[in-house]
Amino acid sequence: MEGSPKILADLGAARVAMRSLASCLLLLVALVWLAILSAATAKATTATQIVQSAAVQVRHVFVVVLENEPYEVTFGKQSLAPYLAHTLPKEGILLPNYYGIGHHSLDNYIAMISGQAPNPATQDDCKTYSEFRRNSSERGADGQMLGSGCIYPVDVKSLPDQLDAAGLSWKGYMEDMGADSSRESATCGHVAIGTEDFTHHASAKDQYAAKHNPFVYFHSIIDDPARCAKHVVNFDGLARDLEHIDTTPNFVFITPNLCHDGHDAPCADGEPGGLISVDAFLRIWVPRILASPAYRKDGLLVITFDEGTDGEACCHERGLPGGPMAGVFGTGGGRTGAVLLSPFIASGTISMKPYNHYSLLRTIEDEFHLRHLGYAGAPHLRGFGTDVFRASSSTRW
């Protein structure tokens, strides 16, 4: 029994070693489980962030289109529209390098909702409300309809056609449309096909111009009078529709009359017109839009001009294949600038990236998960990105 104490000591040491090994194994298992749980938590957090990111999505777009001013005049220090030029950019984002796509008015409006480039008739503002005449059975690059004319064939789709197909709502609100019932209807207002468009000229009673209403230049819209009357309406209904989310369309296109959009100066009714009347109009209506439940929930307000005063372009813009230069005396519609406001945009920011009307259409289509129409789908064109939505505070004024 002489070796018993040593044996007992060895057994004791073995037991201690085993306990230590067991502890290590338990610790290792615990660490493994902790790693697994951490990974699962990280994945869950990422998934939650993705869901939250997807939920941060514009579902109500408001577009206000004004007339015929270059960026330097509108947004300069001595602007006659200080509310637009100085106050609103501090509440949203200023895009100094936003461009029109052509001259004169109508082709820009048509591009905003269809991606179709200017043709000779739309460049001339369709003084005669004429049918579009194809010069080819084929489409040009990026779905361009080849030919000339005002009212596009039924197979040329527009943003409203896309919205209807997706179960989304839309309306064009036209100030003064139908104010003089002898000129045009209060809904879907346009002259008879093939006749002179006398709405180009304002009267003291009625300052509506069809050339600033892009919806009446598509057979896919005007061929269904009930549909057109439901969606292309007089401006007077806007205040009522803004009261509730379910009465506010997903896409709201606002055309002030020829005075309040700055086109005329002075105006037929005696108002000063130009940027002075633009500013007065915006001071009334922008706060109403910003206070609406739809805007506050998930809205985007875009305020821009149809064209500038030169032929400059951005964004690799192309004209109609075989057609005229989009800007008549240049490749584009000139630099106009734009102001955007949204709960998803940091206030008081600026983005110097270039955009144009096709970019606007592309952005709207992206927000509503629609395919790109016409030149909105052109290579190298981009919609508004992270420079606009949740813009970095580093670019604050």
Protein backbone atom coordinates (compact mmCIF):
# COMPACT_ATOMS: atom_id res chain seq x y z
CA MET A 1 0.00 0.00 0.00
CA GLU A 2 3.10 2.04 -0.15
CA GLY A 3 2.00 3.68 -3.46
CA SER A 4 -1.58 4.42 -2.40
CA PRO A 5 -1.05 8.09 -1.50
CA LYS A 6 0.56 8.73 -4.92
CA ILE A 7 -2.25 6.90 -6.72
CA LEU A 8 -4.83 8.87 -4.76
CA ALA A 9 -3.02 12.10 -5.60
CA ASP A 10 -2.92 11.18 -9.28
CA LEU A 11 -6.63 10.35 -9.22
CA GLY A 12 -7.37 13.68 -7.58
CA ALA A 13 -5.35 15.53 -10.16
CA ALA A 14 -7.15 13.67 -12.91
CA ARG A 15 -10.52 14.60 -11.47
CA VAL A 16 -9.47 18.28 -11.31
CA ALA A 17 -8.24 18.11 -14.89
CA MET A 18 -11.49 16.53 -16.04
CA ARG A 19 -13.50 19.17 -14.25
CA SER A 20 -11.38 21.88 -15.89
CA LEU A 21 -11.84 20.24 -19.29
CA ALA A 22 -15.58 20.01 -18.74
CA SER A 23 -15.66 23.67 -17.77
CA CYS A 24 -13.76 24.59 -20.91
CA LEU A 25 -16.12 22.52 -23.04
CA LEU A 26 -19.14 24.16 -21.40
CA LEU A 27 -17.57 27.57 -21.95
CA LEU A 28 -16.86 26.71 -25.60
CA VAL A 29 -20.44 25.51 -26.14
CA ALA A 30 -21.73 28.69 -24.50
CA LEU A 31 -19.55 30.83 -26.75
CA VAL A 32 -20.72 28.95 -29.84
CA TRP A 33 -24.38 29.44 -28.87
CA LEU A 34 -23.71 33.09 -28.11
CA ALA A 35 -22.17 33.51 -31.56
CA ILE A 36 -25.17 31.78 -33.17
CA LEU A 37 -27.62 33.96 -31.24
CA SER A 38 -25.65 37.10 -32.12
CA ALA A 39 -25.67 36.19 -35.80
CA ALA A 40 -29.39 35.49 -35.67
CA THR A 41 -30.00 38.78 -33.91
CA ALA A 42 -27.90 40.62 -36.48
CA LYS A 43 -29.84 38.99 -39.30
CA ALA A 44 -33.13 39.87 -37.64
CA THR A 45 -31.95 43.46 -37.14
CA THR A 46 -30.85 43.67 -40.77
CA ALA A 47 -34.18 42.24 -41.92
CA THR A 48 -36.00 44.77 -39.76
CA GLN A 49 -33.89 47.57 -41.22
CA ILE A 50 -34.67 46.36 -44.73
CA VAL A 51 -38.39 46.28 -43.96
CA GLN A 52 -38.18 49.73 -42.38
CA SER A 53 -36.21 51.03 -45.36
CA ALA A 54 -38.79 49.60 -47.74
CA ALA A 55 -41.51 51.26 -45.70
CA VAL A 56 -39.85 54.67 -46.18
CA GLN A 57 -41.34 55.15 -49.62
CA VAL A 58 -43.04 58.06 -51.33
CA ARG A 59 -46.67 57.23 -52.09
CA HIS A 60 -48.04 60.70 -52.88
CA VAL A 61 -46.29 62.89 -55.45
CA PHE A 62 -47.30 66.52 -56.02
CA VAL A 63 -45.86 68.28 -59.09
CA VAL A 64 -46.28 72.03 -59.68
CA VAL A 65 -45.06 73.27 -63.08
CA LEU A 66 -44.27 76.93 -63.66
CA GLU A 67 -43.24 78.78 -66.81
CA ASN A 68 -40.29 80.04 -68.75
CA GLU A 69 -37.60 81.20 -66.34
CA PRO A 70 -33.87 80.41 -66.17
CA TYR A 71 -32.28 79.40 -62.89
CA GLU A 72 -30.33 82.65 -62.45
CA VAL A 73 -33.50 84.74 -62.58
CA THR A 74 -35.71 82.55 -60.41
CA PHE A 75 -33.22 81.67 -57.69
CA GLY A 76 -30.94 84.70 -57.76
CA LYS A 77 -30.49 87.01 -54.78
CA GLN A 78 -32.81 89.60 -56.29
CA SER A 79 -35.50 87.08 -57.29
CA LEU A 80 -39.02 88.45 -57.58
CA ALA A 81 -40.16 85.17 -56.02
CA PRO A 82 -38.38 85.18 -52.63
CA TYR A 83 -40.70 82.54 -51.14
CA LEU A 84 -39.76 80.10 -53.92
CA ALA A 85 -36.13 81.17 -54.24
CA HIS A 86 -35.12 81.53 -50.59
CA THR A 87 -37.75 80.25 -48.16
CA LEU A 88 -38.72 76.90 -49.68
CA PRO A 89 -35.16 75.63 -50.32
CA LYS A 90 -34.53 75.97 -46.59
CA GLU A 91 -37.45 73.60 -46.00
CA GLY A 92 -36.37 71.04 -48.59
CA ILE A 93 -33.69 70.59 -51.23
CA LEU A 94 -32.61 72.84 -54.09
CA LEU A 95 -31.53 71.25 -57.39
CA PRO A 96 -29.62 74.02 -59.20
CA ASN A 97 -28.78 71.73 -62.13
CA TYR A 98 -32.30 70.70 -63.06
CA TYR A 99 -33.06 71.17 -66.79
CA GLY A 100 -36.00 71.35 -69.15
CA ILE A 101 -35.79 68.99 -72.11
CA GLY A 102 -36.98 71.21 -74.96
CA HIS A 103 -38.73 74.28 -76.29
CA HIS A 104 -41.33 75.51 -76.19
CA SER A 105 -43.83 74.59 -73.44
CA LEU A 106 -45.86 71.60 -74.52
CA ASP A 107 -43.04 69.20 -75.33
CA ASN A 108 -41.72 69.57 -71.77
CA TYR A 109 -45.11 68.75 -70.25
CA ILE A 110 -45.52 65.72 -72.50
CA ALA A 111 -42.04 64.47 -71.59
CA MET A 112 -42.88 64.66 -67.87
CA ILE A 113 -45.65 62.06 -68.16
CA SER A 114 -44.57 59.92 -71.12
CA GLY A 115 -40.85 60.23 -71.84
CA GLN A 116 -41.62 61.19 -75.45
CA ALA A 117 -39.16 63.66 -77.01
CA PRO A 118 -40.17 66.89 -78.77
CA ASN A 119 -41.48 66.59 -82.32
CA PRO A 120 -42.06 69.52 -84.73
CA ALA A 121 -45.70 69.95 -83.71
CA THR A 122 -45.21 69.77 -79.94
CA GLN A 123 -42.22 72.13 -80.27
CA ASP A 124 -44.64 74.61 -81.81
CA ASP A 125 -47.05 74.15 -78.86
CA CYS A 126 -49.62 72.53 -81.15
CA LYS A 127 -51.34 75.71 -82.27
CA THR A 128 -53.59 73.32 -84.19
CA TYR A 129 -54.82 70.41 -82.08
CA SER A 130 -53.77 67.78 -84.63
CA GLU A 131 -53.44 64.02 -84.79
CA PHE A 132 -49.98 62.51 -84.52
CA ARG A 133 -48.83 61.16 -87.89
CA ARG A 134 -46.36 58.28 -87.82
CA ASN A 135 -43.57 58.19 -90.36
CA SER A 136 -42.61 54.63 -89.41
CA SER A 137 -44.39 51.53 -88.19
CA GLU A 138 -41.41 50.94 -85.90
CA ARG A 139 -40.57 52.71 -82.68
CA GLY A 140 -37.34 54.64 -82.31
CA ALA A 141 -34.79 54.26 -79.54
CA ASP A 142 -36.25 53.95 -76.05
CA GLY A 143 -39.82 53.69 -77.28
CA GLN A 144 -39.92 57.00 -79.15
CA MET A 145 -42.87 57.49 -81.49
CA LEU A 146 -41.44 58.58 -84.86
CA GLY A 147 -43.35 61.30 -86.67
CA SER A 148 -45.03 64.57 -85.83
CA GLY A 149 -48.29 65.73 -84.30
CA CYS A 150 -50.06 66.53 -81.09
CA ILE A 151 -52.35 63.72 -79.97
CA TYR A 152 -50.39 60.51 -79.53
CA PRO A 153 -51.93 57.21 -80.72
CA VAL A 154 -53.59 54.96 -78.18
CA ASP A 155 -50.60 52.61 -78.10
CA VAL A 156 -48.38 55.37 -76.69
CA LYS A 157 -48.75 54.98 -72.95
CA SER A 158 -48.37 57.63 -70.31
CA LEU A 159 -47.83 57.68 -66.57
CA PRO A 160 -51.62 57.77 -65.92
CA ASP A 161 -52.01 54.52 -67.87
CA GLN A 162 -49.35 52.94 -65.69
CA LEU A 163 -50.91 54.22 -62.49
CA ASP A 164 -54.37 52.95 -63.42
CA ALA A 165 -52.96 49.52 -64.28
CA ALA A 166 -51.20 49.41 -60.90
CA GLY A 167 -54.34 50.39 -58.98
CA LEU A 168 -52.96 53.82 -58.09
CA SER A 169 -54.84 57.11 -58.34
CA TRP A 170 -54.02 60.30 -60.22
CA LYS A 171 -55.45 63.69 -61.12
CA GLY A 172 -54.42 66.73 -63.11
CA TYR A 173 -55.71 69.93 -61.49
CA MET A 174 -56.00 72.72 -64.08
CA GLU A 175 -56.59 76.24 -62.81
CA ASP A 176 -59.33 78.13 -64.74
CA MET A 177 -60.23 75.14 -66.94
CA GLY A 178 -63.87 75.66 -67.82
CA ALA A 179 -64.06 79.13 -66.26
CA ASP A 180 -65.47 80.20 -69.62
CA SER A 181 -67.63 77.28 -70.71
CA SER A 182 -67.77 78.63 -74.27
CA ARG A 183 -64.04 77.94 -74.58
CA GLU A 184 -63.62 74.51 -72.97
CA SER A 185 -65.16 72.08 -70.52
CA ALA A 186 -64.37 72.21 -66.81
CA THR A 187 -63.11 68.61 -67.13
CA CYS A 188 -60.78 67.23 -69.81
CA GLY A 189 -60.78 70.61 -71.51
CA HIS A 190 -59.57 70.75 -75.10
CA VAL A 191 -60.73 72.01 -78.48
CA ALA A 192 -62.02 69.75 -81.24
CA ILE A 193 -59.39 67.67 -83.01
CA GLY A 194 -58.09 69.39 -86.12
CA THR A 195 -59.04 72.91 -85.02
CA GLU A 196 -57.07 75.93 -83.89
CA ASP A 197 -56.34 75.89 -80.17
CA PHE A 198 -57.67 79.25 -79.01
CA THR A 199 -56.92 78.40 -75.36
CA HIS A 200 -53.39 79.66 -76.04
CA HIS A 201 -54.75 83.15 -75.45
CA ALA A 202 -55.98 84.16 -72.02
CA SER A 203 -59.02 86.25 -71.25
CA ALA A 204 -59.78 88.11 -68.05
CA LYS A 205 -62.29 85.38 -67.16
CA ASP A 206 -60.38 82.29 -68.32
CA GLN A 207 -56.58 81.91 -68.31
CA TYR A 208 -56.41 78.15 -68.89
CA ALA A 209 -54.11 76.88 -71.65
CA ALA A 210 -54.39 73.32 -72.93
CA LYS A 211 -50.72 73.38 -73.93
CA HIS A 212 -49.93 73.23 -70.19
CA ASN A 213 -52.19 70.21 -69.71
CA PRO A 214 -50.28 67.17 -71.01
CA PHE A 215 -53.07 64.68 -70.38
CA VAL A 216 -55.24 65.84 -73.29
CA TYR A 217 -52.53 64.92 -75.80
CA PHE A 218 -52.97 61.15 -75.48
CA HIS A 219 -55.74 59.17 -77.15
CA SER A 220 -55.39 56.60 -74.37
CA ILE A 221 -56.85 59.27 -72.06
CA ILE A 222 -59.22 61.42 -74.13
CA ASP A 223 -60.84 58.49 -75.96
CA ASP A 224 -62.56 57.56 -72.69
CA PRO A 225 -64.48 60.75 -71.86
CA ALA A 226 -65.68 59.49 -68.48
CA ARG A 227 -62.18 58.52 -67.42
CA CYS A 228 -60.71 61.80 -68.62
CA ALA A 229 -63.43 63.82 -66.88
CA LYS A 230 -62.78 61.96 -63.64
CA HIS A 231 -59.03 62.58 -63.66
CA VAL A 232 -58.40 65.84 -65.54
CA VAL A 233 -60.30 68.35 -63.48
CA ASN A 234 -60.65 71.97 -62.53
CA PHE A 235 -58.26 73.25 -59.87
CA ASP A 236 -61.11 74.15 -57.51
CA GLY A 237 -61.37 70.56 -56.26
CA LEU A 238 -57.81 70.38 -54.94
CA ALA A 239 -58.46 71.89 -51.50
CA ARG A 240 -61.23 69.37 -50.82
CA ASP A 241 -59.18 66.42 -52.05
CA LEU A 242 -56.26 67.38 -49.80
CA GLU A 243 -58.35 67.02 -46.66
CA HIS A 244 -58.00 63.24 -46.38
CA ILE A 245 -55.42 60.64 -47.40
CA ASP A 246 -58.00 58.51 -49.19
CA THR A 247 -59.18 61.46 -51.31
CA THR A 248 -55.67 62.63 -52.23
CA PRO A 249 -54.45 60.97 -55.45
CA ASN A 250 -51.11 59.16 -55.46
CA PHE A 251 -50.04 61.46 -58.31
CA VAL A 252 -51.12 65.10 -58.29
CA PHE A 253 -50.19 67.30 -61.25
CA ILE A 254 -50.91 71.00 -60.71
CA THR A 255 -51.05 73.52 -63.54
CA PRO A 256 -51.66 77.11 -62.42
CA ASN A 257 -53.31 79.42 -64.94
CA LEU A 258 -51.31 81.55 -67.40
CA CYS A 259 -50.95 84.26 -64.78
CA HIS A 260 -50.08 82.22 -61.68
CA ASP A 261 -47.57 80.02 -63.50
CA GLY A 262 -45.62 83.13 -64.53
CA HIS A 263 -46.26 82.78 -68.28
CA ASP A 264 -48.00 86.14 -68.73
CA ALA A 265 -46.83 89.49 -67.37
CA PRO A 266 -48.98 91.47 -66.99
CA CYS A 267 -51.99 89.18 -66.92
CA ALA A 268 -55.31 89.43 -68.71
CA ASP A 269 -57.10 90.10 -65.42
CA GLY A 270 -54.75 92.90 -64.37
CA GLU A 271 -52.47 90.92 -62.03
CA PRO A 272 -48.73 91.57 -62.39
CA GLY A 273 -47.94 88.00 -63.50
CA GLY A 274 -44.41 86.66 -63.89
CA LEU A 275 -42.54 85.59 -60.77
CA ILE A 276 -44.54 87.99 -58.61
CA SER A 277 -47.77 86.09 -59.25
CA VAL A 278 -45.93 82.77 -59.06
CA ASP A 279 -44.77 83.61 -55.55
CA ALA A 280 -48.24 84.73 -54.46
CA PHE A 281 -49.75 81.47 -55.74
CA LEU A 282 -47.14 79.31 -53.99
CA ARG A 283 -47.52 81.17 -50.68
CA ILE A 284 -51.16 80.10 -50.64
CA TRP A 285 -50.95 76.55 -51.95
CA VAL A 286 -47.63 75.12 -50.76
CA PRO A 287 -48.60 75.38 -47.06
CA ARG A 288 -51.90 73.67 -47.84
CA ILE A 289 -50.11 70.80 -49.56
CA LEU A 290 -47.54 70.49 -46.77
CA ALA A 291 -50.30 70.41 -44.15
CA SER A 292 -52.25 67.67 -45.94
CA PRO A 293 -52.34 64.22 -44.29
CA ALA A 294 -51.09 62.53 -47.47
CA TYR A 295 -48.01 64.74 -47.75
CA ARG A 296 -47.21 64.47 -44.05
CA LYS A 297 -47.39 60.68 -44.23
CA ASP A 298 -45.39 59.91 -47.38
CA GLY A 299 -45.42 62.86 -49.75
CA LEU A 300 -43.04 64.48 -52.22
CA LEU A 301 -43.64 67.99 -53.59
CA VAL A 302 -41.74 69.01 -56.74
CA ILE A 303 -41.78 72.61 -57.93
CA THR A 304 -40.07 73.31 -61.23
CA PHE A 305 -40.34 75.14 -64.55
CA ASP A 306 -41.10 73.75 -67.97
CA GLU A 307 -38.16 75.42 -69.72
CA GLY A 308 -35.42 77.98 -69.38
CA THR A 309 -34.26 80.52 -71.94
CA ASP A 310 -31.42 78.70 -73.67
CA GLY A 311 -30.82 75.36 -75.36
CA GLU A 312 -28.56 73.75 -72.77
CA ALA A 313 -29.11 70.15 -71.72
CA CYS A 314 -27.86 67.58 -69.25
CA CYS A 315 -28.00 63.90 -68.59
CA HIS A 316 -27.01 62.61 -72.05
CA GLU A 317 -30.30 63.92 -73.46
CA ARG A 318 -31.18 62.85 -76.97
CA GLY A 319 -33.74 64.27 -79.33
CA LEU A 320 -36.28 62.38 -81.39
CA PRO A 321 -34.49 60.07 -83.85
CA GLY A 322 -34.59 61.80 -87.21
CA GLY A 323 -36.32 64.78 -85.63
CA PRO A 324 -35.33 68.33 -84.71
CA MET A 325 -32.98 69.38 -81.93
CA ALA A 326 -34.99 69.16 -78.73
CA GLY A 327 -34.17 72.72 -77.73
CA VAL A 328 -34.74 74.19 -81.23
CA PHE A 329 -31.46 76.15 -80.97
CA GLY A 330 -29.75 73.61 -78.70
CA THR A 331 -29.98 70.09 -77.35
CA GLY A 332 -32.22 70.81 -74.35
CA GLY A 333 -34.58 73.16 -72.60
CA GLY A 334 -32.13 75.08 -70.45
CA ARG A 335 -31.35 75.15 -66.73
CA THR A 336 -34.40 75.96 -64.64
CA GLY A 337 -33.69 74.57 -61.18
CA ALA A 338 -36.19 72.79 -58.97
CA VAL A 339 -37.18 72.69 -55.31
CA LEU A 340 -38.27 69.43 -53.65
CA LEU A 341 -39.88 68.99 -50.24
CA SER A 342 -40.69 65.74 -48.46
CA PRO A 343 -40.66 64.09 -45.03
CA PHE A 344 -37.88 61.96 -46.59
CA ILE A 345 -35.70 64.97 -47.54
CA ALA A 346 -33.40 66.78 -45.12
CA SER A 347 -34.31 70.45 -44.96
CA GLY A 348 -31.94 73.13 -46.19
CA THR A 349 -29.92 70.91 -48.53
CA ILE A 350 -28.55 71.22 -52.04
CA SER A 351 -27.62 68.63 -54.64
CA MET A 352 -25.46 69.72 -57.54
CA LYS A 353 -26.14 66.54 -59.54
CA PRO A 354 -27.81 67.13 -62.92
CA TYR A 355 -31.43 66.11 -63.52
CA ASN A 356 -34.14 66.84 -66.08
CA HIS A 357 -37.82 66.14 -66.73
CA TYR A 358 -37.04 62.58 -67.80
CA SER A 359 -35.30 62.10 -64.45
CA LEU A 360 -38.46 63.29 -62.70
CA LEU A 361 -40.59 60.77 -64.58
CA ARG A 362 -38.09 58.00 -63.85
CA THR A 363 -38.16 58.86 -60.14
CA ILE A 364 -41.95 58.76 -59.98
CA GLU A 365 -42.01 55.43 -61.79
CA ASP A 366 -39.38 54.04 -59.43
CA GLU A 367 -41.31 55.13 -56.35
CA PHE A 368 -44.45 53.43 -57.66
CA HIS A 369 -42.57 50.38 -59.02
CA LEU A 370 -43.50 51.06 -62.64
CA ARG A 371 -41.46 50.42 -65.78
CA HIS A 372 -39.73 53.36 -67.43
CA LEU A 373 -41.47 55.03 -70.35
CA GLY A 374 -39.65 56.58 -73.29
CA TYR A 375 -36.47 58.44 -72.43
CA ALA A 376 -37.10 57.92 -68.72
CA GLY A 377 -35.52 54.53 -69.39
CA ALA A 378 -32.55 55.84 -71.37
CA PRO A 379 -29.10 54.49 -70.48
CA HIS A 380 -27.10 56.66 -68.08
CA LEU A 381 -30.18 58.60 -66.94
CA ARG A 382 -30.71 58.54 -63.19
CA GLY A 383 -33.63 59.34 -60.99
CA PHE A 384 -33.35 61.23 -57.73
CA GLY A 385 -31.05 59.26 -55.43
CA THR A 386 -29.63 59.40 -51.93
CA ASP A 387 -28.35 62.88 -52.70
CA VAL A 388 -32.01 63.95 -52.60
CA PHE A 389 -33.79 61.60 -50.25
CA ARG A 390 -32.48 61.84 -46.67
CA ALA A 391 -29.76 64.14 -48.00
CA SER A 392 -26.66 64.48 -45.86
CA SER A 393 -26.53 67.39 -43.43
CA SER A 394 -23.05 68.12 -44.77
CA THR A 395 -24.70 69.89 -47.72
CA ARG A 396 -26.86 72.15 -45.58
CA TRP A 397 -27.06 75.86 -46.37
